[in-house]
Amino acid sequence: MNENPDHLLPIGARTLSADPRLAAAVRDFGSTYGYDYFDDETVGQTLAEHEASLRRVARGGLVWAGSLATAVGIVWLVWAASRKPDDMAVAVAPPAAVLVLALAAFVLVNLQGRRRLRHPFLEGYRHVLAAALAHGAPVTYVPAWLTGRGGGQLDVAPLPSYAAPAGGLSSGARTTSVVPPPKPAEVEEYERIADHGGWHDEAGWILVVAGAVGVGYAVVKDLPAAYAAVLLVGLGIWTWVSGHRLGRRQRELSRQARLYLDELTSAQAAGAPVQELSPPLRKLLDTRL
């Protein structure tokens, strides 16, 4: 077991071992797929390697070539059609062929990603997480990349179904004296405001421009009432200042949240069960991986 992991795991080995029924299931999965899922260090490193491999596929040369071919094909197609040639089919055939090649590149990338998600280690680990959830063990998070989730809510490789034996915790289930650190008030505040803002700059510009246009109209048309548009300039500046203060506070609190994630990582390595992360903390964790 790794006593100094670099990253917070979805679930630690000691938590997997706390319930004998879950531990037996994890051993069965390890025997089936040929991996030791109780070795936190190896599990963490292997997960990181597979995530990096999937990212290389998603950001590799084939994706760039497909994107470039798509842009070229669309521009070429529009240009060819705009010329109103005598034989439209002949004119649009070359750009259509380019678009077909672009589509083929994206399909190939998708197939490569699916194939890597079906690696035996990842198949087994998805079974481990499904069993942990079914037994009521605390799973800190399920990595989106592990289930192949992209921008939508559809999982390419979802966790398999798993039915835990009937009954509550096994009588042999062990408890641990190690508990995760309490969540500081700063972290709770970060969770509340982490997703706020993001629109202040755009709104501020719109208000300032609208106010400037209104003042300009007042000057050109000699319409004193239009000078009230200067209030929009003031509102835009206030919006900017508010956004700046909110962003600064978010950055300050994010440092506290990162320290809290470090504490959770250390506590997990010591055997503490770590409950599911909130969406803001999960997003912050993603930026560290």
Foldseek 3Di string as FASTA:
>chain_A
DDLQEPAAAQAALLLCVLFVLSVVVLVVLCVVLVHRPNPVNVLRVVVVVLVVVLVCLVPDPLLVQLVVLQVVLVVQQVVQVVVVDPDSCVSNVVSVVSNVSSVVSVVVSVVVLLVSLVRSVLLSVLQSVQSCVQLVAAGADDDLSNQPDDPDDDGPRHRDHDHGDDDHGDPSRHDDPQAADDDDPLLVVLLVQVPDDPCLLVQLVVLLVQLVVLCVCCVVVVPVVSNVSVVSNVVSVVSVVVRVVSVVSNVVSLVVLVVSSSSRRSSSSVNHRDHYDDVVSVVSSVVVD
